[in-house]
């Protein structure tokens, strides 16, 4: 009987070891003292490749892996309806602690303009990451060499100058030109806004002259700006962007100071442990040199807010965007 008991114990130990080896945990020990690494995280991007959410997600995933904070991170795109298709998928993944979604101001507005059955109130806030001003851009062969020339032509014939944006109505690339129009006494409803599902899709239309000008995030177009393919006429934020030779709208006599932001949310109903692990991951990412380098490289402003703090910010943004859309007659 004693030998049978020993054999049974050995067999049980082998079975337990096999289970550990065959089913890798979400969190594993790292090779240093920086804490556990998150394994197998999936990041949903609710717009097309090359857009702001995509650039932010892939930059964060790469920085987290390079900082040894995560491994086997998968970033995938599910575009549609200004991000609300992806939002619906996230909400339907209730309890999935291995999934997050890259998102931002655009999704807040799209919930209203697309009458989405799901809202950001249905998600689990993880972290706000960055702020980024929009830029007003034209192709290198555009007839408009500065923002004054563009605004004069726009005021003369607003419908004849289509403006393209990398977000659906209600998103930042839509709100920015609408606020610009209001500031120069143009009726927002007279603006010929052409929506694209992300800055990547917008780029071809700006370069090809299919829209008179575009509004999008600076991080999405920095390479084309440096290559001389795009000319920046103005910055929507309150300050100039280092390395970009363009004035702010306020400097140009247009009383608009508008800044976009991006963050990360998780599905509803995840465990307290998974929620904390995700918040810890992005908190540690925020403190890494790899992320600081990414902020500088992309011209992003650090705007980190974790967990409940980000949740309160989301609720306030929801109210603010609803008010702006109603004021502009767009909701």
Protein backbone atom coordinates (compact mmCIF):
# COMPACT_ATOMS: atom_id res chain seq x y z
CA UNK A 1 0.00 0.00 0.00
CA UNK A 2 2.86 2.35 0.85
CA UNK A 3 4.41 1.94 -2.63
CA UNK A 4 1.03 2.57 -4.29
CA UNK A 5 0.66 5.79 -2.29
CA UNK A 6 4.12 6.98 -3.35
CA UNK A 7 3.40 6.18 -6.98
CA UNK A 8 0.09 8.03 -6.79
CA UNK A 9 1.79 11.08 -5.29
CA UNK A 10 4.46 11.06 -8.00
CA UNK A 11 1.80 10.72 -10.69
CA UNK A 12 -0.18 13.61 -9.24
CA UNK A 13 2.92 15.80 -9.12
CA UNK A 14 3.77 15.00 -12.75
CA UNK A 15 0.19 15.78 -13.80
CA UNK A 16 0.28 19.13 -12.01
CA UNK A 17 3.60 20.04 -13.62
CA UNK A 18 2.26 19.12 -17.05
CA UNK A 19 -0.76 21.36 -16.51
CA UNK A 20 1.49 24.30 -15.68
CA UNK A 21 3.67 23.71 -18.73
CA UNK A 22 0.81 23.17 -21.16
CA UNK A 23 -1.36 26.11 -20.03
CA UNK A 24 0.78 29.27 -19.68
CA UNK A 25 -0.57 31.71 -17.12
CA UNK A 26 -1.64 35.25 -17.92
CA UNK A 27 1.06 36.50 -15.57
CA UNK A 28 4.52 34.99 -15.38
CA UNK A 29 7.69 35.81 -13.52
CA UNK A 30 10.11 38.11 -15.26
CA UNK A 31 13.85 37.77 -15.58
CA UNK A 32 14.47 40.73 -13.27
CA UNK A 33 12.95 42.45 -10.25
CA UNK A 34 10.57 44.72 -12.15
CA UNK A 35 7.60 42.46 -11.44
CA UNK A 36 5.54 39.89 -13.34
CA UNK A 37 5.11 40.00 -17.09
CA UNK A 38 1.65 39.86 -18.66
CA UNK A 39 1.39 37.13 -21.27
CA UNK A 40 -1.04 36.65 -24.13
CA UNK A 41 -2.73 40.05 -23.99
CA UNK A 42 -4.86 40.96 -27.06
CA UNK A 43 -5.34 44.61 -28.04
CA UNK A 44 -8.37 45.46 -30.17
CA UNK A 45 -7.98 48.50 -32.45
CA UNK A 46 -11.40 49.83 -33.52
CA UNK A 47 -10.18 51.54 -36.68
CA UNK A 48 -8.04 50.75 -39.72
CA UNK A 49 -4.26 50.22 -39.75
CA UNK A 50 -2.36 53.51 -39.70
CA UNK A 51 -4.96 55.38 -37.65
CA UNK A 52 -4.34 56.99 -34.28
CA UNK A 53 -5.71 54.12 -32.19
CA UNK A 54 -3.62 51.70 -34.25
CA UNK A 55 -0.40 53.68 -33.90
CA UNK A 56 -0.96 54.08 -30.15
CA UNK A 57 -1.76 50.39 -29.61
CA UNK A 58 1.19 49.08 -31.59
CA UNK A 59 3.57 51.58 -30.01
CA UNK A 60 2.40 50.61 -26.50
CA UNK A 61 2.62 46.87 -27.26
CA UNK A 62 6.15 47.20 -28.63
CA UNK A 63 7.31 49.34 -25.70
CA UNK A 64 5.79 46.91 -23.17
CA UNK A 65 7.58 43.96 -24.75
CA UNK A 66 10.88 45.83 -25.04
CA UNK A 67 10.60 46.82 -21.36
CA UNK A 68 9.94 43.16 -20.48
CA UNK A 69 6.53 44.01 -19.06
CA UNK A 70 4.54 41.81 -21.44
CA UNK A 71 5.07 39.04 -23.97
CA UNK A 72 3.10 37.59 -26.89
CA UNK A 73 0.95 40.73 -27.22
CA UNK A 74 -1.38 40.56 -30.23
CA UNK A 75 -2.76 43.75 -31.80
CA UNK A 76 -5.68 43.32 -34.21
CA UNK A 77 -7.99 45.68 -36.11
CA UNK A 78 -11.79 45.64 -36.15
CA UNK A 79 -12.84 48.90 -37.85
CA UNK A 80 -16.31 50.22 -38.46
CA UNK A 81 -18.81 52.92 -37.47
CA UNK A 82 -16.25 55.24 -35.90
CA UNK A 83 -15.02 52.61 -33.46
CA UNK A 84 -18.42 51.46 -32.22
CA UNK A 85 -18.16 48.08 -34.00
CA UNK A 86 -15.04 47.38 -31.95
CA UNK A 87 -16.74 48.75 -28.84
CA UNK A 88 -19.63 46.33 -29.31
CA UNK A 89 -17.19 43.42 -29.64
CA UNK A 90 -15.40 44.47 -26.46
CA UNK A 91 -18.61 44.73 -24.46
CA UNK A 92 -19.68 41.29 -25.71
CA UNK A 93 -16.40 39.84 -24.38
CA UNK A 94 -17.67 40.22 -20.82
CA UNK A 95 -15.26 38.80 -18.24
CA UNK A 96 -12.32 38.46 -20.68
CA UNK A 97 -9.30 39.71 -18.71
CA UNK A 98 -6.91 39.13 -21.63
CA UNK A 99 -8.49 41.72 -23.94
CA UNK A 100 -8.26 45.53 -24.01
CA UNK A 101 -9.25 48.14 -26.58
CA UNK A 102 -7.30 51.18 -27.73
CA UNK A 103 -9.71 54.12 -27.86
CA UNK A 104 -10.11 57.84 -27.39
CA UNK A 105 -12.25 60.90 -27.86
CA UNK A 106 -13.50 59.65 -31.23
CA UNK A 107 -15.33 56.70 -29.71
CA UNK A 108 -17.04 59.00 -27.19
CA UNK A 109 -18.59 61.04 -30.00
CA UNK A 110 -19.31 58.06 -32.26
CA UNK A 111 -21.49 56.48 -29.60
CA UNK A 112 -23.85 59.45 -30.06
CA UNK A 113 -23.66 59.98 -33.82
CA UNK A 114 -23.92 56.26 -34.63
CA UNK A 115 -26.57 55.62 -31.96
CA UNK A 116 -24.50 52.74 -30.63
CA UNK A 117 -26.27 50.25 -28.35
CA UNK A 118 -23.04 49.97 -26.37
CA UNK A 119 -21.31 52.85 -24.60
CA UNK A 120 -18.05 53.42 -22.79
CA UNK A 121 -20.00 53.27 -19.52
CA UNK A 122 -20.30 49.52 -20.25
CA UNK A 123 -16.50 49.05 -20.24
CA UNK A 124 -13.83 48.78 -17.54
CA UNK A 125 -11.55 51.87 -17.60
CA UNK A 126 -7.88 50.89 -17.45
CA UNK A 127 -5.79 53.97 -18.29
CA UNK A 128 -5.71 57.24 -20.17
CA UNK A 129 -2.33 57.38 -21.91
CA UNK A 130 -1.74 60.45 -24.06
CA UNK A 131 -3.01 63.75 -25.38
CA UNK A 132 -2.27 64.93 -28.90
CA UNK A 133 -3.31 68.04 -30.83
CA UNK A 134 -4.74 67.71 -34.30
CA UNK A 135 -3.07 69.36 -37.27
CA UNK A 136 -4.51 71.01 -40.36
CA UNK A 137 -2.65 69.58 -43.35
CA UNK A 138 -2.58 69.92 -47.13
CA UNK A 139 -0.60 68.17 -49.85
CA UNK A 140 2.72 69.68 -50.88
CA UNK A 141 1.22 70.96 -54.16
CA UNK A 142 -1.84 72.53 -52.52
CA UNK A 143 -2.65 76.13 -53.55
CA UNK A 144 -2.86 77.07 -49.86
CA UNK A 145 0.49 77.99 -48.38
CA UNK A 146 -0.77 79.18 -44.98
CA UNK A 147 -3.85 78.93 -42.77
CA UNK A 148 -5.00 82.45 -43.69
CA UNK A 149 -5.29 81.57 -47.37
CA UNK A 150 -7.16 78.37 -46.58
CA UNK A 151 -9.63 80.08 -44.26
CA UNK A 152 -10.35 82.85 -46.78
CA UNK A 153 -11.17 80.29 -49.50
CA UNK A 154 -13.19 78.19 -47.05
CA UNK A 155 -15.31 81.14 -45.92
CA UNK A 156 -15.96 82.15 -49.51
CA UNK A 157 -17.21 78.72 -50.62
CA UNK A 158 -17.43 76.31 -47.65
CA UNK A 159 -19.18 73.51 -49.54
CA UNK A 160 -16.62 73.60 -52.35
CA UNK A 161 -13.71 72.84 -50.02
CA UNK A 162 -14.19 69.35 -48.58
CA UNK A 163 -12.34 68.68 -45.34
CA UNK A 164 -11.32 65.13 -44.54
CA UNK A 165 -10.95 63.68 -41.07
CA UNK A 166 -9.82 60.36 -39.68
CA UNK A 167 -12.91 59.93 -37.54
CA UNK A 168 -16.66 59.68 -38.03
CA UNK A 169 -18.98 62.57 -37.09
CA UNK A 170 -18.57 63.26 -33.39
CA UNK A 171 -14.91 62.27 -33.34
CA UNK A 172 -11.96 64.62 -32.80
CA UNK A 173 -11.09 65.04 -36.48
CA UNK A 174 -14.71 66.08 -37.05
CA UNK A 175 -15.15 68.27 -33.97
CA UNK A 176 -11.95 70.25 -34.66
CA UNK A 177 -12.99 71.64 -38.09
CA UNK A 178 -16.54 72.21 -36.83
CA UNK A 179 -15.18 74.35 -33.99
CA UNK A 180 -12.90 76.10 -36.51
CA UNK A 181 -15.91 76.86 -38.71
CA UNK A 182 -17.88 78.23 -35.76
CA UNK A 183 -14.92 80.44 -34.77
CA UNK A 184 -14.73 82.05 -38.25
CA UNK A 185 -18.53 82.54 -38.49
CA UNK A 186 -19.23 79.59 -40.77
CA UNK A 187 -22.33 77.53 -40.02
CA UNK A 188 -21.08 74.04 -39.06
CA UNK A 189 -23.83 72.49 -41.20
CA UNK A 190 -22.33 74.21 -44.28
CA UNK A 191 -19.04 72.34 -43.85
CA UNK A 192 -18.45 69.55 -46.36
CA UNK A 193 -16.92 67.00 -43.99
CA UNK A 194 -15.71 63.70 -45.47
CA UNK A 195 -15.14 61.00 -42.81
CA UNK A 196 -12.49 58.29 -43.07
CA UNK A 197 -11.97 55.32 -40.79
CA UNK A 198 -8.64 56.47 -39.40
CA UNK A 199 -5.80 58.73 -40.48
CA UNK A 200 -4.31 56.02 -42.68
CA UNK A 201 -7.33 56.05 -45.00
CA UNK A 202 -7.46 59.85 -44.98
CA UNK A 203 -3.82 60.21 -46.05
CA UNK A 204 -4.35 59.04 -49.66
CA UNK A 205 -7.19 61.52 -50.17
CA UNK A 206 -5.13 64.44 -48.85
CA UNK A 207 -2.13 63.51 -51.00
CA UNK A 208 -4.35 62.94 -54.03
CA UNK A 209 -6.20 66.25 -53.64
CA UNK A 210 -9.59 64.57 -53.15
CA UNK A 211 -10.12 66.78 -50.09
CA UNK A 212 -8.97 70.39 -49.85
CA UNK A 213 -7.43 69.82 -46.43
CA UNK A 214 -7.29 67.20 -43.74
CA UNK A 215 -7.46 67.20 -39.96
CA UNK A 216 -5.74 64.43 -38.03
CA UNK A 217 -3.20 63.64 -35.33
CA UNK A 218 0.41 64.65 -35.76
CA UNK A 219 1.74 61.19 -34.80
CA UNK A 220 0.03 59.60 -37.79
CA UNK A 221 1.64 61.91 -40.35
CA UNK A 222 5.04 62.80 -38.94
CA UNK A 223 6.92 60.72 -41.56
CA UNK A 224 5.06 62.33 -44.48
CA UNK A 225 5.59 65.80 -42.99
CA UNK A 226 9.31 65.21 -42.60
CA UNK A 227 9.49 63.84 -46.15
CA UNK A 228 7.86 67.01 -47.49
CA UNK A 229 4.76 65.25 -48.83
CA UNK A 230 2.44 67.11 -46.45
CA UNK A 231 2.42 70.75 -45.35
CA UNK A 232 1.09 71.64 -41.90
CA UNK A 233 -0.87 74.90 -41.89
CA UNK A 234 -1.89 74.99 -38.23
CA UNK A 235 -1.99 73.13 -34.93
CA UNK A 236 -5.30 72.85 -33.04
CA UNK A 237 -3.75 72.66 -29.57
CA UNK A 238 -2.80 75.58 -27.32
CA UNK A 239 0.95 75.26 -28.04
CA UNK A 240 3.13 74.78 -31.07
CA UNK A 241 4.53 71.28 -31.68
CA UNK A 242 8.33 70.97 -31.50
CA UNK A 243 9.75 70.11 -34.89
CA UNK A 244 6.60 71.23 -36.77
CA UNK A 245 6.84 74.61 -38.49
CA UNK A 246 3.24 75.74 -38.05
CA UNK A 247 1.37 78.20 -35.81
CA UNK A 248 -1.49 77.36 -33.49
CA UNK A 249 -5.01 78.30 -34.55
CA UNK A 250 -5.11 80.85 -31.73
CA UNK A 251 -1.94 82.50 -33.04
CA UNK A 252 -3.68 82.72 -36.41
CA UNK A 253 -6.71 84.53 -35.02
CA UNK A 254 -8.98 81.48 -34.72
CA UNK A 255 -10.17 81.09 -31.15
CA UNK A 256 -9.93 77.30 -30.93
CA UNK A 257 -7.73 75.21 -28.64
CA UNK A 258 -8.58 71.56 -29.18
CA UNK A 259 -6.68 68.46 -28.03
CA UNK A 260 -7.40 64.78 -28.65
CA UNK A 261 -6.65 62.00 -26.16
CA UNK A 262 -6.32 58.21 -26.19
CA UNK A 263 -6.50 55.45 -23.62
CA UNK A 264 -7.33 51.82 -22.94
CA UNK A 265 -10.49 50.09 -21.72
CA UNK A 266 -11.29 46.44 -20.98
CA UNK A 267 -14.51 44.42 -21.20
CA UNK A 268 -17.12 44.64 -18.45
CA UNK A 269 -17.25 42.06 -15.70
CA UNK A 270 -13.56 41.21 -15.48
CA UNK A 271 -12.25 40.04 -12.12
CA UNK A 272 -10.72 42.48 -9.65
CA UNK A 273 -7.43 40.64 -10.07
CA UNK A 274 -7.41 40.97 -13.86
CA UNK A 275 -8.42 44.62 -13.63
CA UNK A 276 -5.55 45.37 -11.26
CA UNK A 277 -3.05 43.44 -13.40
CA UNK A 278 -4.01 45.49 -16.44
CA UNK A 279 -3.82 48.77 -14.53
CA UNK A 280 -0.43 47.72 -13.14
CA UNK A 281 0.82 46.86 -16.64
CA UNK A 282 0.03 50.32 -18.03
CA UNK A 283 1.26 52.04 -14.88
CA UNK A 284 4.62 50.31 -15.24
CA UNK A 285 4.63 51.02 -18.98
CA UNK A 286 4.09 54.71 -18.19
CA UNK A 287 7.21 54.66 -16.01
CA UNK A 288 9.44 52.94 -18.57
CA UNK A 289 12.13 54.58 -20.66
CA UNK A 290 10.73 52.85 -23.72
CA UNK A 291 7.41 54.68 -23.32
CA UNK A 292 9.09 58.02 -22.62
CA UNK A 293 11.03 57.60 -25.86
CA UNK A 294 7.80 56.79 -27.71
CA UNK A 295 6.11 59.93 -26.38
CA UNK A 296 8.94 62.11 -27.63
CA UNK A 297 9.18 60.32 -30.97
CA UNK A 298 5.47 60.71 -31.72
CA UNK A 299 5.02 64.21 -30.32
CA UNK A 300 2.52 62.94 -27.72
CA UNK A 301 1.85 64.62 -24.37
CA UNK A 302 1.88 62.38 -21.32
CA UNK A 303 -1.65 62.37 -19.86
CA UNK A 304 -1.61 59.24 -17.69
CA UNK A 305 -4.65 58.52 -15.54
CA UNK A 306 -5.16 54.99 -14.17
CA UNK A 307 -8.31 53.10 -13.26
CA UNK A 308 -10.98 55.02 -11.35
CA UNK A 309 -9.36 58.36 -12.20
CA UNK A 310 -9.70 57.56 -15.89
CA UNK A 311 -13.28 56.40 -15.30
CA UNK A 312 -14.20 59.78 -13.84
CA UNK A 313 -12.54 61.52 -16.79
CA UNK A 314 -14.52 59.35 -19.25
CA UNK A 315 -17.81 60.28 -17.58
CA UNK A 316 -16.93 63.99 -17.78
CA UNK A 317 -15.87 63.71 -21.44
CA UNK A 318 -19.12 61.97 -22.29
CA UNK A 319 -21.08 64.92 -20.90
CA UNK A 320 -18.78 67.47 -22.58
CA UNK A 321 -18.98 65.89 -26.04
CA UNK A 322 -22.76 65.56 -25.82
CA UNK A 323 -22.97 69.27 -25.03
CA UNK A 324 -20.67 70.28 -27.90
CA UNK A 325 -22.57 68.15 -30.42
CA UNK A 326 -25.89 69.68 -29.34
CA UNK A 327 -24.44 73.19 -29.48
CA UNK A 328 -23.23 72.59 -33.03
CA UNK A 329 -26.58 71.11 -34.01
CA UNK A 330 -25.01 67.72 -34.67
CA UNK A 331 -26.80 65.63 -32.05
